[in-house]
Amino acid sequence: MTWIANLPEGGPRVEPGAVIAAYVPIGSEPGTTALLEVLREGGFRVLLPKVAAGPPAPLRWAWYDGPESLHEGRFGLLEPGGDSTSPDALGDAALILVPALSVDRHGIRLGRGAGYYDRSIPEVDTDKLVAVVFDDELVDELPTDDFDVPMGWSLTPGEGFRRLGTS
């Protein structure tokens, strides 16, 4: 998983000091906690999601302050221990790394089915949204629903960044 620890060339550019929203991978999701450290040490401010109790709703966010700041939250997800920001905090993010089970070349993302990310990013500029998947999870076409929010980019080990939604 070291491929994602250093964001490859060819994708959206963000300057040090910018806010990047990321996630702590679970199970076989691509990504590593090493990426969070690389981003933080590179001068980026990193937001991580926090899942509130109750029915699916927009994610809340908190600042990542190092691996020691993570604790087990809802659904067994590792979350920052600090205070949550509002869901609107994503408006400040220059880049949003989104976990996905699959993404198609049009930018349609398959998540885990509860819609947390789709509820959190409906107003975000597509150019900021990066679906992080393995090479075989970037497919030609997925079924879509009205609530699906398209991704602007995919990030895979073999291809690095790839612009989505263009022919």
C-alpha atoms as a PDB file:
ATOM      1  CA  MET A   1       0.000   0.000   0.000  1.00  0.00           C
ATOM      2  CA  THR A   2       2.958   2.331  -0.225  1.00  0.00           C
ATOM      3  CA  TRP A   3       1.732   3.543  -3.627  1.00  0.00           C
ATOM      4  CA  ILE A   4      -0.679   5.932  -1.980  1.00  0.00           C
ATOM      5  CA  ALA A   5       1.696   7.171   0.702  1.00  0.00           C
ATOM      6  CA  ASN A   6       3.047   9.708  -1.781  1.00  0.00           C
ATOM      7  CA  LEU A   7       0.388  11.213  -4.014  1.00  0.00           C
ATOM      8  CA  PRO A   8       1.474  10.553  -7.608  1.00  0.00           C
ATOM      9  CA  GLU A   9       1.937  13.203 -10.278  1.00  0.00           C
ATOM     10  CA  GLY A  10      -0.706  13.909 -12.874  1.00  0.00           C
ATOM     11  CA  GLY A  11      -3.638  14.658 -10.612  1.00  0.00           C
ATOM     12  CA  PRO A  12      -5.182  17.688  -9.000  1.00  0.00           C
ATOM     13  CA  ARG A  13      -2.564  19.999  -7.529  1.00  0.00           C
ATOM     14  CA  VAL A  14      -2.816  21.301  -4.003  1.00  0.00           C
ATOM     15  CA  GLU A  15      -0.380  23.540  -2.199  1.00  0.00           C
ATOM     16  CA  PRO A  16       1.069  22.822   1.258  1.00  0.00           C
ATOM     17  CA  GLY A  17      -1.100  24.412   3.906  1.00  0.00           C
ATOM     18  CA  ALA A  18      -4.265  23.392   2.085  1.00  0.00           C
ATOM     19  CA  VAL A  19      -6.954  21.249   3.679  1.00  0.00           C
ATOM     20  CA  ILE A  20      -7.227  17.663   2.415  1.00  0.00           C
ATOM     21  CA  ALA A  21     -10.098  15.474   3.556  1.00  0.00           C
ATOM     22  CA  ALA A  22      -9.029  11.836   3.747  1.00  0.00           C
ATOM     23  CA  TYR A  23     -10.123   8.661   5.509  1.00  0.00           C
ATOM     24  CA  VAL A  24      -8.670   5.815   7.545  1.00  0.00           C
ATOM     25  CA  PRO A  25      -9.088   2.638   5.459  1.00  0.00           C
ATOM     26  CA  ILE A  26     -10.918  -0.383   6.818  1.00  0.00           C
ATOM     27  CA  GLY A  27     -10.639  -3.986   5.727  1.00  0.00           C
ATOM     28  CA  SER A  28      -9.237  -4.218   2.231  1.00  0.00           C
ATOM     29  CA  GLU A  29      -9.901  -0.580   1.277  1.00  0.00           C
ATOM     30  CA  PRO A  30      -6.983   1.082  -0.479  1.00  0.00           C
ATOM     31  CA  GLY A  31      -5.058   3.646   1.458  1.00  0.00           C
ATOM     32  CA  THR A  32      -2.853   3.708   4.501  1.00  0.00           C
ATOM     33  CA  THR A  33      -2.464   5.625   7.697  1.00  0.00           C
ATOM     34  CA  ALA A  34       1.035   6.386   6.373  1.00  0.00           C
ATOM     35  CA  LEU A  35      -0.603   8.684   3.815  1.00  0.00           C
ATOM     36  CA  LEU A  36      -2.113  10.730   6.631  1.00  0.00           C
ATOM     37  CA  GLU A  37       1.342  11.229   8.119  1.00  0.00           C
ATOM     38  CA  VAL A  38       2.875  12.081   4.724  1.00  0.00           C
ATOM     39  CA  LEU A  39       0.183  14.699   4.176  1.00  0.00           C
ATOM     40  CA  ARG A  40       0.533  16.163   7.660  1.00  0.00           C
ATOM     41  CA  GLU A  41       4.330  16.255   7.486  1.00  0.00           C
ATOM     42  CA  GLY A  42       4.036  17.812   4.006  1.00  0.00           C
ATOM     43  CA  GLY A  43       2.284  20.801   5.510  1.00  0.00           C
ATOM     44  CA  PHE A  44      -1.299  19.847   4.680  1.00  0.00           C
ATOM     45  CA  ARG A  45      -4.115  20.101   7.195  1.00  0.00           C
ATOM     46  CA  VAL A  46      -5.983  16.785   7.198  1.00  0.00           C
ATOM     47  CA  LEU A  47      -9.666  16.312   7.975  1.00  0.00           C
ATOM     48  CA  LEU A  48     -11.045  12.853   8.754  1.00  0.00           C
ATOM     49  CA  PRO A  49     -14.702  11.798   8.921  1.00  0.00           C
ATOM     50  CA  LYS A  50     -16.621  11.082  12.097  1.00  0.00           C
ATOM     51  CA  VAL A  51     -19.881   9.151  11.901  1.00  0.00           C
ATOM     52  CA  ALA A  52     -22.574  10.466  14.233  1.00  0.00           C
ATOM     53  CA  ALA A  53     -25.045   8.201  16.000  1.00  0.00           C
ATOM     54  CA  GLY A  54     -28.458   7.758  14.435  1.00  0.00           C
ATOM     55  CA  PRO A  55     -29.590   7.228  10.867  1.00  0.00           C
ATOM     56  CA  PRO A  56     -27.215   7.985   7.969  1.00  0.00           C
ATOM     57  CA  ALA A  57     -26.553  11.722   7.732  1.00  0.00           C
ATOM     58  CA  PRO A  58     -23.809  13.981   6.380  1.00  0.00           C
ATOM     59  CA  LEU A  59     -20.459  13.109   7.918  1.00  0.00           C
ATOM     60  CA  ARG A  60     -18.931  15.356  10.533  1.00  0.00           C
ATOM     61  CA  TRP A  61     -15.197  16.030  10.331  1.00  0.00           C
ATOM     62  CA  ALA A  62     -12.302  16.471  12.753  1.00  0.00           C
ATOM     63  CA  TRP A  63      -8.644  17.385  12.401  1.00  0.00           C
ATOM     64  CA  TYR A  64      -6.069  14.613  12.251  1.00  0.00           C
ATOM     65  CA  ASP A  65      -3.315  15.235  14.825  1.00  0.00           C
ATOM     66  CA  GLY A  66      -1.309  12.046  14.387  1.00  0.00           C
ATOM     67  CA  PRO A  67      -1.900   8.320  14.819  1.00  0.00           C
ATOM     68  CA  GLU A  68      -2.165   8.674  18.589  1.00  0.00           C
ATOM     69  CA  SER A  69      -5.241  10.897  18.114  1.00  0.00           C
ATOM     70  CA  LEU A  70      -7.256   8.093  16.478  1.00  0.00           C
ATOM     71  CA  HIS A  71      -9.766   5.997  18.404  1.00  0.00           C
ATOM     72  CA  GLU A  72     -12.460   3.512  17.470  1.00  0.00           C
ATOM     73  CA  GLY A  73     -15.740   5.161  16.553  1.00  0.00           C
ATOM     74  CA  ARG A  74     -19.027   3.992  15.132  1.00  0.00           C
ATOM     75  CA  PHE A  75     -18.898   0.863  12.947  1.00  0.00           C
ATOM     76  CA  GLY A  76     -15.361   0.214  14.259  1.00  0.00           C
ATOM     77  CA  LEU A  77     -13.946   3.060  12.152  1.00  0.00           C
ATOM     78  CA  LEU A  78     -10.854   4.857  13.399  1.00  0.00           C
ATOM     79  CA  GLU A  79     -11.708   8.517  13.945  1.00  0.00           C
ATOM     80  CA  PRO A  80      -9.903  11.551  15.351  1.00  0.00           C
ATOM     81  CA  GLY A  81     -10.643  12.194  18.993  1.00  0.00           C
ATOM     82  CA  GLY A  82     -10.986  15.961  18.665  1.00  0.00           C
ATOM     83  CA  ASP A  83     -14.143  17.995  18.428  1.00  0.00           C
ATOM     84  CA  SER A  84     -16.185  17.572  15.272  1.00  0.00           C
ATOM     85  CA  THR A  85     -16.528  20.402  12.823  1.00  0.00           C
ATOM     86  CA  SER A  86     -19.741  20.899  10.916  1.00  0.00           C
ATOM     87  CA  PRO A  87     -20.364  19.025   7.663  1.00  0.00           C
ATOM     88  CA  ASP A  88     -19.673  22.390   5.968  1.00  0.00           C
ATOM     89  CA  ALA A  89     -15.951  22.018   6.779  1.00  0.00           C
ATOM     90  CA  LEU A  90     -15.546  20.218   3.452  1.00  0.00           C
ATOM     91  CA  GLY A  91     -16.071  23.555   1.736  1.00  0.00           C
ATOM     92  CA  ASP A  92     -12.523  24.469   2.811  1.00  0.00           C
ATOM     93  CA  ALA A  93     -10.979  21.267   1.431  1.00  0.00           C
ATOM     94  CA  ALA A  94      -8.811  21.565  -1.676  1.00  0.00           C
ATOM     95  CA  LEU A  95      -9.010  17.795  -2.214  1.00  0.00           C
ATOM     96  CA  ILE A  96     -11.307  15.070  -0.871  1.00  0.00           C
ATOM     97  CA  LEU A  97     -10.085  11.456  -0.959  1.00  0.00           C
ATOM     98  CA  VAL A  98     -13.168   9.228  -0.989  1.00  0.00           C
ATOM     99  CA  PRO A  99     -13.136   5.473  -0.280  1.00  0.00           C
ATOM    100  CA  ALA A 100     -14.878   3.356  -2.909  1.00  0.00           C
ATOM    101  CA  LEU A 101     -15.559  -0.271  -3.713  1.00  0.00           C
ATOM    102  CA  SER A 102     -15.532   0.687  -7.389  1.00  0.00           C
ATOM    103  CA  VAL A 103     -15.724   3.744  -9.658  1.00  0.00           C
ATOM    104  CA  ASP A 104     -16.499   3.975 -13.337  1.00  0.00           C
ATOM    105  CA  ARG A 105     -14.904   6.101 -16.027  1.00  0.00           C
ATOM    106  CA  HIS A 106     -17.844   8.524 -15.831  1.00  0.00           C
ATOM    107  CA  GLY A 107     -17.130   9.171 -12.143  1.00  0.00           C
ATOM    108  CA  ILE A 108     -19.957   7.100 -10.670  1.00  0.00           C
ATOM    109  CA  ARG A 109     -18.758   5.670  -7.359  1.00  0.00           C
ATOM    110  CA  LEU A 110     -19.941   2.553  -5.583  1.00  0.00           C
ATOM    111  CA  GLY A 111     -19.677   2.948  -1.824  1.00  0.00           C
ATOM    112  CA  ARG A 112     -20.805   0.720   1.006  1.00  0.00           C
ATOM    113  CA  GLY A 113     -24.469   1.562   0.490  1.00  0.00           C
ATOM    114  CA  ALA A 114     -25.478   3.820   3.388  1.00  0.00           C
ATOM    115  CA  GLY A 115     -24.912   7.067   1.466  1.00  0.00           C
ATOM    116  CA  TYR A 116     -22.791   8.878   4.049  1.00  0.00           C
ATOM    117  CA  TYR A 117     -20.430  10.352   1.450  1.00  0.00           C
ATOM    118  CA  ASP A 118     -23.184  11.131  -1.076  1.00  0.00           C
ATOM    119  CA  ARG A 119     -24.975  13.087   1.668  1.00  0.00           C
ATOM    120  CA  SER A 120     -21.741  14.876   2.593  1.00  0.00           C
ATOM    121  CA  ILE A 121     -20.504  16.015  -0.827  1.00  0.00           C
ATOM    122  CA  PRO A 122     -23.489  16.992  -3.024  1.00  0.00           C
ATOM    123  CA  GLU A 123     -22.363  20.619  -3.386  1.00  0.00           C
ATOM    124  CA  VAL A 124     -18.603  19.975  -3.661  1.00  0.00           C
ATOM    125  CA  ASP A 125     -16.853  20.783  -6.944  1.00  0.00           C
ATOM    126  CA  THR A 126     -16.315  17.486  -8.774  1.00  0.00           C
ATOM    127  CA  ASP A 127     -12.692  18.465  -9.466  1.00  0.00           C
ATOM    128  CA  LYS A 128     -11.955  18.098  -5.735  1.00  0.00           C
ATOM    129  CA  LEU A 129     -13.349  14.558  -5.470  1.00  0.00           C
ATOM    130  CA  VAL A 130     -10.956  11.596  -5.801  1.00  0.00           C
ATOM    131  CA  ALA A 131     -12.224   7.999  -5.589  1.00  0.00           C
ATOM    132  CA  VAL A 132      -9.408   5.827  -4.229  1.00  0.00           C
ATOM    133  CA  VAL A 133      -9.608   2.295  -5.681  1.00  0.00           C
ATOM    134  CA  PHE A 134      -7.460  -0.611  -6.816  1.00  0.00           C
ATOM    135  CA  ASP A 135      -6.805  -0.962 -10.562  1.00  0.00           C
ATOM    136  CA  ASP A 136      -9.448  -3.654 -11.107  1.00  0.00           C
ATOM    137  CA  GLU A 137     -12.036  -1.506  -9.312  1.00  0.00           C
ATOM    138  CA  LEU A 138     -11.903   1.183 -12.032  1.00  0.00           C
ATOM    139  CA  VAL A 139     -14.561  -0.097 -14.445  1.00  0.00           C
ATOM    140  CA  ASP A 140     -16.252   1.058 -17.633  1.00  0.00           C
ATOM    141  CA  GLU A 141     -19.728   1.574 -16.215  1.00  0.00           C
ATOM    142  CA  LEU A 142     -21.710   1.234 -12.988  1.00  0.00           C
ATOM    143  CA  PRO A 143     -25.437   1.628 -12.393  1.00  0.00           C
ATOM    144  CA  THR A 144     -26.364   5.057 -11.090  1.00  0.00           C
ATOM    145  CA  ASP A 145     -29.057   6.645  -8.940  1.00  0.00           C
ATOM    146  CA  ASP A 146     -30.215  10.254  -8.732  1.00  0.00           C
ATOM    147  CA  PHE A 147     -28.414  10.774  -5.408  1.00  0.00           C
ATOM    148  CA  ASP A 148     -24.984   9.579  -6.660  1.00  0.00           C
ATOM    149  CA  VAL A 149     -22.357  12.322  -6.631  1.00  0.00           C
ATOM    150  CA  PRO A 150     -19.826  11.911  -9.461  1.00  0.00           C
ATOM    151  CA  MET A 151     -16.109  11.875  -8.752  1.00  0.00           C
ATOM    152  CA  GLY A 152     -13.722  13.993 -10.815  1.00  0.00           C
ATOM    153  CA  TRP A 153     -10.722  11.690 -10.409  1.00  0.00           C
ATOM    154  CA  SER A 154      -9.732   8.157  -9.565  1.00  0.00           C
ATOM    155  CA  LEU A 155      -6.489   7.207  -7.845  1.00  0.00           C
ATOM    156  CA  THR A 156      -5.157   3.680  -8.418  1.00  0.00           C
ATOM    157  CA  PRO A 157      -1.800   1.956  -7.840  1.00  0.00           C
ATOM    158  CA  GLY A 158      -1.206   1.269 -11.548  1.00  0.00           C
ATOM    159  CA  GLU A 159      -2.549   4.402 -13.213  1.00  0.00           C
ATOM    160  CA  GLY A 160      -2.133   6.967 -10.453  1.00  0.00           C
ATOM    161  CA  PHE A 161      -4.562   9.808 -11.004  1.00  0.00           C
ATOM    162  CA  ARG A 162      -7.012   9.506 -13.856  1.00  0.00           C
ATOM    163  CA  ARG A 163      -9.498  12.188 -14.874  1.00  0.00           C
ATOM    164  CA  LEU A 164     -13.054  10.827 -14.876  1.00  0.00           C
ATOM    165  CA  GLY A 165     -16.137  11.914 -16.736  1.00  0.00           C
ATOM    166  CA  THR A 166     -14.380  12.665 -20.019  1.00  0.00           C
ATOM    167  CA  SER A 167     -14.298  10.514 -23.120  1.00  0.00           C
END
